PDB file of N, CA and C in Angstrom:
ATOM      1  N   MET A   1       0.837  -1.185   0.000  1.00  0.00           N
ATOM      2  CA  MET A   1       0.000   0.000   0.000  1.00  0.00           C
ATOM      3  C   MET A   1       0.877   1.242   0.000  1.00  0.00           C
ATOM      4  N   ILE A   2       0.428   2.257  -0.678  1.00  0.00           N
ATOM      5  CA  ILE A   2       1.186   3.505  -0.779  1.00  0.00           C
ATOM      6  C   ILE A   2       0.917   4.380   0.445  1.00  0.00           C
ATOM      7  N   ALA A   3       1.967   4.970   0.966  1.00  0.00           N
ATOM      8  CA  ALA A   3       1.839   5.850   2.125  1.00  0.00           C
ATOM      9  C   ALA A   3       1.258   7.201   1.687  1.00  0.00           C
ATOM     10  N   LYS A   4       0.590   7.856   2.621  1.00  0.00           N
ATOM     11  CA  LYS A   4      -0.026   9.150   2.330  1.00  0.00           C
ATOM     12  C   LYS A   4       1.024  10.159   1.886  1.00  0.00           C
ATOM     13  N   SER A   5       2.159  10.159   2.550  1.00  0.00           N
ATOM     14  CA  SER A   5       3.215  11.110   2.199  1.00  0.00           C
ATOM     15  C   SER A   5       3.747  10.857   0.788  1.00  0.00           C
ATOM     16  N   GLU A   6       3.843   9.600   0.403  1.00  0.00           N
ATOM     17  CA  GLU A   6       4.323   9.274  -0.941  1.00  0.00           C
ATOM     18  C   GLU A   6       3.304   9.688  -2.002  1.00  0.00           C
ATOM     19  N   PHE A   7       2.014   9.481  -1.707  1.00  0.00           N
ATOM     20  CA  PHE A   7       0.961   9.912  -2.621  1.00  0.00           C
ATOM     21  C   PHE A   7       0.974  11.427  -2.798  1.00  0.00           C
ATOM     22  N   LEU A   8       1.106  12.145  -1.685  1.00  0.00           N
ATOM     23  CA  LEU A   8       1.137  13.603  -1.752  1.00  0.00           C
ATOM     24  C   LEU A   8       2.351  14.103  -2.527  1.00  0.00           C
ATOM     25  N   LYS A   9       3.463  13.398  -2.404  1.00  0.00           N
ATOM     26  CA  LYS A   9       4.664  13.774  -3.146  1.00  0.00           C
ATOM     27  C   LYS A   9       4.435  13.594  -4.646  1.00  0.00           C
ATOM     28  N   LEU A  10       3.788  12.508  -5.047  1.00  0.00           N
ATOM     29  CA  LEU A  10       3.481  12.282  -6.460  1.00  0.00           C
ATOM     30  C   LEU A  10       2.504  13.329  -6.989  1.00  0.00           C
ATOM     31  N   ALA A  11       1.475  13.632  -6.202  1.00  0.00           N
ATOM     32  CA  ALA A  11       0.473  14.617  -6.612  1.00  0.00           C
ATOM     33  C   ALA A  11       1.086  16.016  -6.686  1.00  0.00           C
ATOM     34  N   GLU A  12       1.959  16.326  -5.756  1.00  0.00           N
ATOM     35  CA  GLU A  12       2.598  17.636  -5.746  1.00  0.00           C
ATOM     36  C   GLU A  12       3.481  17.825  -6.981  1.00  0.00           C
ATOM     37  N   ALA A  13       4.074  16.745  -7.455  1.00  0.00           N
ATOM     38  CA  ALA A  13       4.911  16.825  -8.646  1.00  0.00           C
ATOM     39  C   ALA A  13       4.082  17.207  -9.874  1.00  0.00           C
ATOM     40  N   LYS A  14       2.820  16.847  -9.909  1.00  0.00           N
ATOM     41  CA  LYS A  14       1.947  17.152 -11.040  1.00  0.00           C
ATOM     42  C   LYS A  14       1.205  18.478 -10.883  1.00  0.00           C
ATOM     43  N   TYR A  15       1.233  19.059  -9.699  1.00  0.00           N
ATOM     44  CA  TYR A  15       0.483  20.285  -9.434  1.00  0.00           C
ATOM     45  C   TYR A  15       0.887  21.424 -10.360  1.00  0.00           C
ATOM     46  N   GLU A  16       2.187  21.628 -10.528  1.00  0.00           N
ATOM     47  CA  GLU A  16       2.674  22.717 -11.388  1.00  0.00           C
ATOM     48  C   GLU A  16       2.216  22.523 -12.829  1.00  0.00           C
ATOM     49  N   GLU A  17       2.242  21.283 -13.303  1.00  0.00           N
ATOM     50  CA  GLU A  17       1.811  21.010 -14.669  1.00  0.00           C
ATOM     51  C   GLU A  17       0.315  21.287 -14.841  1.00  0.00           C
ATOM     52  N   ILE A  18      -0.466  20.974 -13.822  1.00  0.00           N
ATOM     53  CA  ILE A  18      -1.907  21.242 -13.877  1.00  0.00           C
ATOM     54  C   ILE A  18      -2.151  22.752 -13.891  1.00  0.00           C
ATOM     55  N   GLN A  19      -1.387  23.502 -13.124  1.00  0.00           N
ATOM     56  CA  GLN A  19      -1.530  24.954 -13.102  1.00  0.00           C
ATOM     57  C   GLN A  19      -1.182  25.577 -14.456  1.00  0.00           C
ATOM     58  N   LYS A  20      -0.213  25.005 -15.146  1.00  0.00           N
ATOM     59  CA  LYS A  20       0.181  25.518 -16.464  1.00  0.00           C
ATOM     60  C   LYS A  20      -0.922  25.328 -17.500  1.00  0.00           C
ATOM     61  N   LEU A  21      -1.817  24.380 -17.284  1.00  0.00           N
ATOM     62  CA  LEU A  21      -2.897  24.122 -18.228  1.00  0.00           C
ATOM     63  C   LEU A  21      -3.889  25.279 -18.314  1.00  0.00           C
ATOM     64  N   GLU A  22      -3.945  26.104 -17.291  1.00  0.00           N
ATOM     65  CA  GLU A  22      -4.918  27.198 -17.293  1.00  0.00           C
ATOM     66  C   GLU A  22      -4.659  28.204 -18.399  1.00  0.00           C
ATOM     67  N   GLY A  23      -3.476  28.209 -18.965  1.00  0.00           N
ATOM     68  CA  GLY A  23      -3.159  29.134 -20.037  1.00  0.00           C
ATOM     69  C   GLY A  23      -3.426  28.569 -21.428  1.00  0.00           C
ATOM     70  N   THR A  24      -4.052  27.399 -21.508  1.00  0.00           N
ATOM     71  CA  THR A  24      -4.308  26.791 -22.807  1.00  0.00           C
ATOM     72  C   THR A  24      -5.411  27.558 -23.549  1.00  0.00           C
ATOM     73  N   PRO A  25      -5.296  27.640 -24.866  1.00  0.00           N
ATOM     74  CA  PRO A  25      -6.217  28.479 -25.641  1.00  0.00           C
ATOM     75  C   PRO A  25      -7.643  27.928 -25.761  1.00  0.00           C
ATOM     76  N   SER A  26      -7.807  26.622 -25.705  1.00  0.00           N
ATOM     77  CA  SER A  26      -9.158  26.082 -25.878  1.00  0.00           C
ATOM     78  C   SER A  26      -9.475  25.063 -24.793  1.00  0.00           C
ATOM     79  N   PHE A  27     -10.757  24.858 -24.590  1.00  0.00           N
ATOM     80  CA  PHE A  27     -11.190  23.887 -23.592  1.00  0.00           C
ATOM     81  C   PHE A  27     -10.774  22.480 -23.991  1.00  0.00           C
ATOM     82  N   TYR A  28     -10.773  22.196 -25.282  1.00  0.00           N
ATOM     83  CA  TYR A  28     -10.379  20.873 -25.759  1.00  0.00           C
ATOM     84  C   TYR A  28      -8.925  20.582 -25.372  1.00  0.00           C
ATOM     85  N   ASP A  29      -8.038  21.540 -25.603  1.00  0.00           N
ATOM     86  CA  ASP A  29      -6.630  21.352 -25.246  1.00  0.00           C
ATOM     87  C   ASP A  29      -6.456  21.207 -23.742  1.00  0.00           C
ATOM     88  N   TYR A  30      -7.221  21.985 -22.986  1.00  0.00           N
ATOM     89  CA  TYR A  30      -7.180  21.889 -21.519  1.00  0.00           C
ATOM     90  C   TYR A  30      -7.608  20.499 -21.066  1.00  0.00           C
ATOM     91  N   GLU A  31      -8.726  20.029 -21.610  1.00  0.00           N
ATOM     92  CA  GLU A  31      -9.241  18.724 -21.221  1.00  0.00           C
ATOM     93  C   GLU A  31      -8.273  17.610 -21.611  1.00  0.00           C
ATOM     94  N   LYS A  32      -7.703  17.702 -22.785  1.00  0.00           N
ATOM     95  CA  LYS A  32      -6.751  16.684 -23.258  1.00  0.00           C
ATOM     96  C   LYS A  32      -5.520  16.635 -22.353  1.00  0.00           C
ATOM     97  N   GLY A  33      -4.955  17.798 -22.031  1.00  0.00           N
ATOM     98  CA  GLY A  33      -3.794  17.846 -21.150  1.00  0.00           C
ATOM     99  C   GLY A  33      -4.104  17.370 -19.749  1.00  0.00           C
ATOM    100  N   PHE A  34      -5.264  17.772 -19.244  1.00  0.00           N
ATOM    101  CA  PHE A  34      -5.685  17.369 -17.906  1.00  0.00           C
ATOM    102  C   PHE A  34      -5.842  15.857 -17.825  1.00  0.00           C
ATOM    103  N   ASP A  35      -6.463  15.281 -18.841  1.00  0.00           N
ATOM    104  CA  ASP A  35      -6.662  13.832 -18.874  1.00  0.00           C
ATOM    105  C   ASP A  35      -5.323  13.098 -18.913  1.00  0.00           C
ATOM    106  N   GLU A  36      -4.383  13.586 -19.699  1.00  0.00           N
ATOM    107  CA  GLU A  36      -3.072  12.950 -19.782  1.00  0.00           C
ATOM    108  C   GLU A  36      -2.345  13.002 -18.440  1.00  0.00           C
ATOM    109  N   LEU A  37      -2.414  14.150 -17.761  1.00  0.00           N
ATOM    110  CA  LEU A  37      -1.753  14.282 -16.464  1.00  0.00           C
ATOM    111  C   LEU A  37      -2.352  13.348 -15.423  1.00  0.00           C
ATOM    112  N   TRP A  38      -3.688  13.292 -15.370  1.00  0.00           N
ATOM    113  CA  TRP A  38      -4.337  12.436 -14.385  1.00  0.00           C
ATOM    114  C   TRP A  38      -4.124  10.963 -14.674  1.00  0.00           C
ATOM    115  N   THR A  39      -4.074  10.604 -15.951  1.00  0.00           N
ATOM    116  CA  THR A  39      -3.817   9.210 -16.305  1.00  0.00           C
ATOM    117  C   THR A  39      -2.410   8.816 -15.876  1.00  0.00           C
ATOM    118  N   GLU A  40      -1.452   9.696 -16.122  1.00  0.00           N
ATOM    119  CA  GLU A  40      -0.074   9.424 -15.716  1.00  0.00           C
ATOM    120  C   GLU A  40       0.051   9.341 -14.195  1.00  0.00           C
ATOM    121  N   LEU A  41      -0.588  10.272 -13.499  1.00  0.00           N
ATOM    122  CA  LEU A  41      -0.558  10.246 -12.036  1.00  0.00           C
ATOM    123  C   LEU A  41      -1.210   8.977 -11.513  1.00  0.00           C
ATOM    124  N   GLY A  42      -2.341   8.608 -12.081  1.00  0.00           N
ATOM    125  CA  GLY A  42      -3.026   7.385 -11.659  1.00  0.00           C
ATOM    126  C   GLY A  42      -2.178   6.149 -11.875  1.00  0.00           C
ATOM    127  N   ARG A  43      -1.464   6.102 -12.997  1.00  0.00           N
ATOM    128  CA  ARG A  43      -0.598   4.957 -13.284  1.00  0.00           C
ATOM    129  C   ARG A  43       0.521   4.870 -12.255  1.00  0.00           C
ATOM    130  N   LYS A  44       1.135   6.017 -11.923  1.00  0.00           N
ATOM    131  CA  LYS A  44       2.219   6.018 -10.940  1.00  0.00           C
ATOM    132  C   LYS A  44       1.731   5.589  -9.559  1.00  0.00           C
ATOM    133  N   VAL A  45       0.569   6.099  -9.156  1.00  0.00           N
ATOM    134  CA  VAL A  45       0.012   5.735  -7.844  1.00  0.00           C
ATOM    135  C   VAL A  45      -0.335   4.248  -7.818  1.00  0.00           C
ATOM    136  N   PHE A  46      -0.913   3.750  -8.897  1.00  0.00           N
ATOM    137  CA  PHE A  46      -1.270   2.337  -8.979  1.00  0.00           C
ATOM    138  C   PHE A  46      -0.028   1.455  -8.887  1.00  0.00           C
ATOM    139  N   GLU A  47       1.018   1.802  -9.632  1.00  0.00           N
ATOM    140  CA  GLU A  47       2.244   1.013  -9.609  1.00  0.00           C
ATOM    141  C   GLU A  47       2.889   1.026  -8.236  1.00  0.00           C
ATOM    142  N   LYS A  48       2.891   2.182  -7.580  1.00  0.00           N
ATOM    143  CA  LYS A  48       3.471   2.265  -6.236  1.00  0.00           C
ATOM    144  C   LYS A  48       2.649   1.479  -5.218  1.00  0.00           C
ATOM    145  N   SER A  49       1.338   1.427  -5.432  1.00  0.00           N
ATOM    146  CA  SER A  49       0.487   0.758  -4.441  1.00  0.00           C
ATOM    147  C   SER A  49       0.571  -0.762  -4.542  1.00  0.00           C
ATOM    148  N   ILE A  50       0.894  -1.296  -5.722  1.00  0.00           N
ATOM    149  CA  ILE A  50       0.961  -2.763  -5.817  1.00  0.00           C
ATOM    150  C   ILE A  50       2.367  -3.279  -5.560  1.00  0.00           C
ATOM    151  N   SER A  51       3.381  -2.633  -6.115  1.00  0.00           N
ATOM    152  CA  SER A  51       4.767  -3.023  -5.863  1.00  0.00           C
ATOM    153  C   SER A  51       5.687  -2.222  -6.756  1.00  0.00           C
ATOM    154  N   GLU A  52       6.956  -2.413  -6.526  1.00  0.00           N
ATOM    155  CA  GLU A  52       7.958  -1.797  -7.376  1.00  0.00           C
ATOM    156  C   GLU A  52       8.097  -2.615  -8.649  1.00  0.00           C
ATOM    157  N   ILE A  53       8.338  -1.949  -9.757  1.00  0.00           N
ATOM    158  CA  ILE A  53       8.529  -2.618 -11.029  1.00  0.00           C
ATOM    159  C   ILE A  53       9.948  -3.164 -11.081  1.00  0.00           C
ATOM    160  N   PRO A  54      10.126  -4.455 -11.422  1.00  0.00           N
ATOM    161  CA  PRO A  54      11.469  -5.018 -11.482  1.00  0.00           C
ATOM    162  C   PRO A  54      12.271  -4.416 -12.638  1.00  0.00           C
ATOM    163  N   VAL A  55      13.578  -4.449 -12.503  1.00  0.00           N
ATOM    164  CA  VAL A  55      14.458  -3.909 -13.533  1.00  0.00           C
ATOM    165  C   VAL A  55      14.328  -4.750 -14.800  1.00  0.00           C
ATOM    166  N   ASP A  56      14.344  -6.069 -14.643  1.00  0.00           N
ATOM    167  CA  ASP A  56      14.206  -6.973 -15.774  1.00  0.00           C
ATOM    168  C   ASP A  56      12.888  -7.694 -15.633  1.00  0.00           C
ATOM    169  N   ARG A  57      11.932  -7.333 -16.479  1.00  0.00           N
ATOM    170  CA  ARG A  57      10.585  -7.898 -16.367  1.00  0.00           C
ATOM    171  C   ARG A  57      10.541  -9.391 -16.659  1.00  0.00           C
ATOM    172  N   ARG A  58      11.576  -9.922 -17.305  1.00  0.00           N
ATOM    173  CA  ARG A  58      11.580 -11.348 -17.659  1.00  0.00           C
ATOM    174  C   ARG A  58      12.162 -12.220 -16.552  1.00  0.00           C
ATOM    175  N   LYS A  59      12.855 -11.636 -15.608  1.00  0.00           N
ATOM    176  CA  LYS A  59      13.498 -12.391 -14.542  1.00  0.00           C
ATOM    177  C   LYS A  59      12.445 -12.914 -13.565  1.00  0.00           C
ATOM    178  N   LYS A  60      12.538 -14.192 -13.240  1.00  0.00           N
ATOM    179  CA  LYS A  60      11.609 -14.796 -12.289  1.00  0.00           C
ATOM    180  C   LYS A  60      12.060 -14.512 -10.860  1.00  0.00           C
ATOM    181  N   ASN A  61      11.067 -14.437  -9.983  1.00  0.00           N
ATOM    182  CA  ASN A  61      11.349 -14.253  -8.564  1.00  0.00           C
ATOM    183  C   ASN A  61      11.769 -15.582  -7.945  1.00  0.00           C
ATOM    184  N   ALA A  62      12.556 -15.547  -6.886  1.00  0.00           N
ATOM    185  CA  ALA A  62      13.029 -16.752  -6.209  1.00  0.00           C
ATOM    186  C   ALA A  62      11.989 -17.323  -5.259  1.00  0.00           C
ATOM    187  N   GLU A  63      10.852 -16.693  -5.165  1.00  0.00           N
ATOM    188  CA  GLU A  63       9.825 -17.125  -4.198  1.00  0.00           C
ATOM    189  C   GLU A  63       9.153 -18.389  -4.602  1.00  0.00           C
TER     190      GLU A  63
END
């Protein structure tokens, strides 16, 4: 499970990028950028909450 502090650190890293979206010329561009940022943030939070990604995805665990 991901710790609250780690989640806040990930979200804080995306905060500046979300703030930069306010200067986009159209709502479509804003929505597209916002969706990309949230999808990326969600992927990072999901990966951190289940486990660390191994360096070599093909290597089997010794368990």
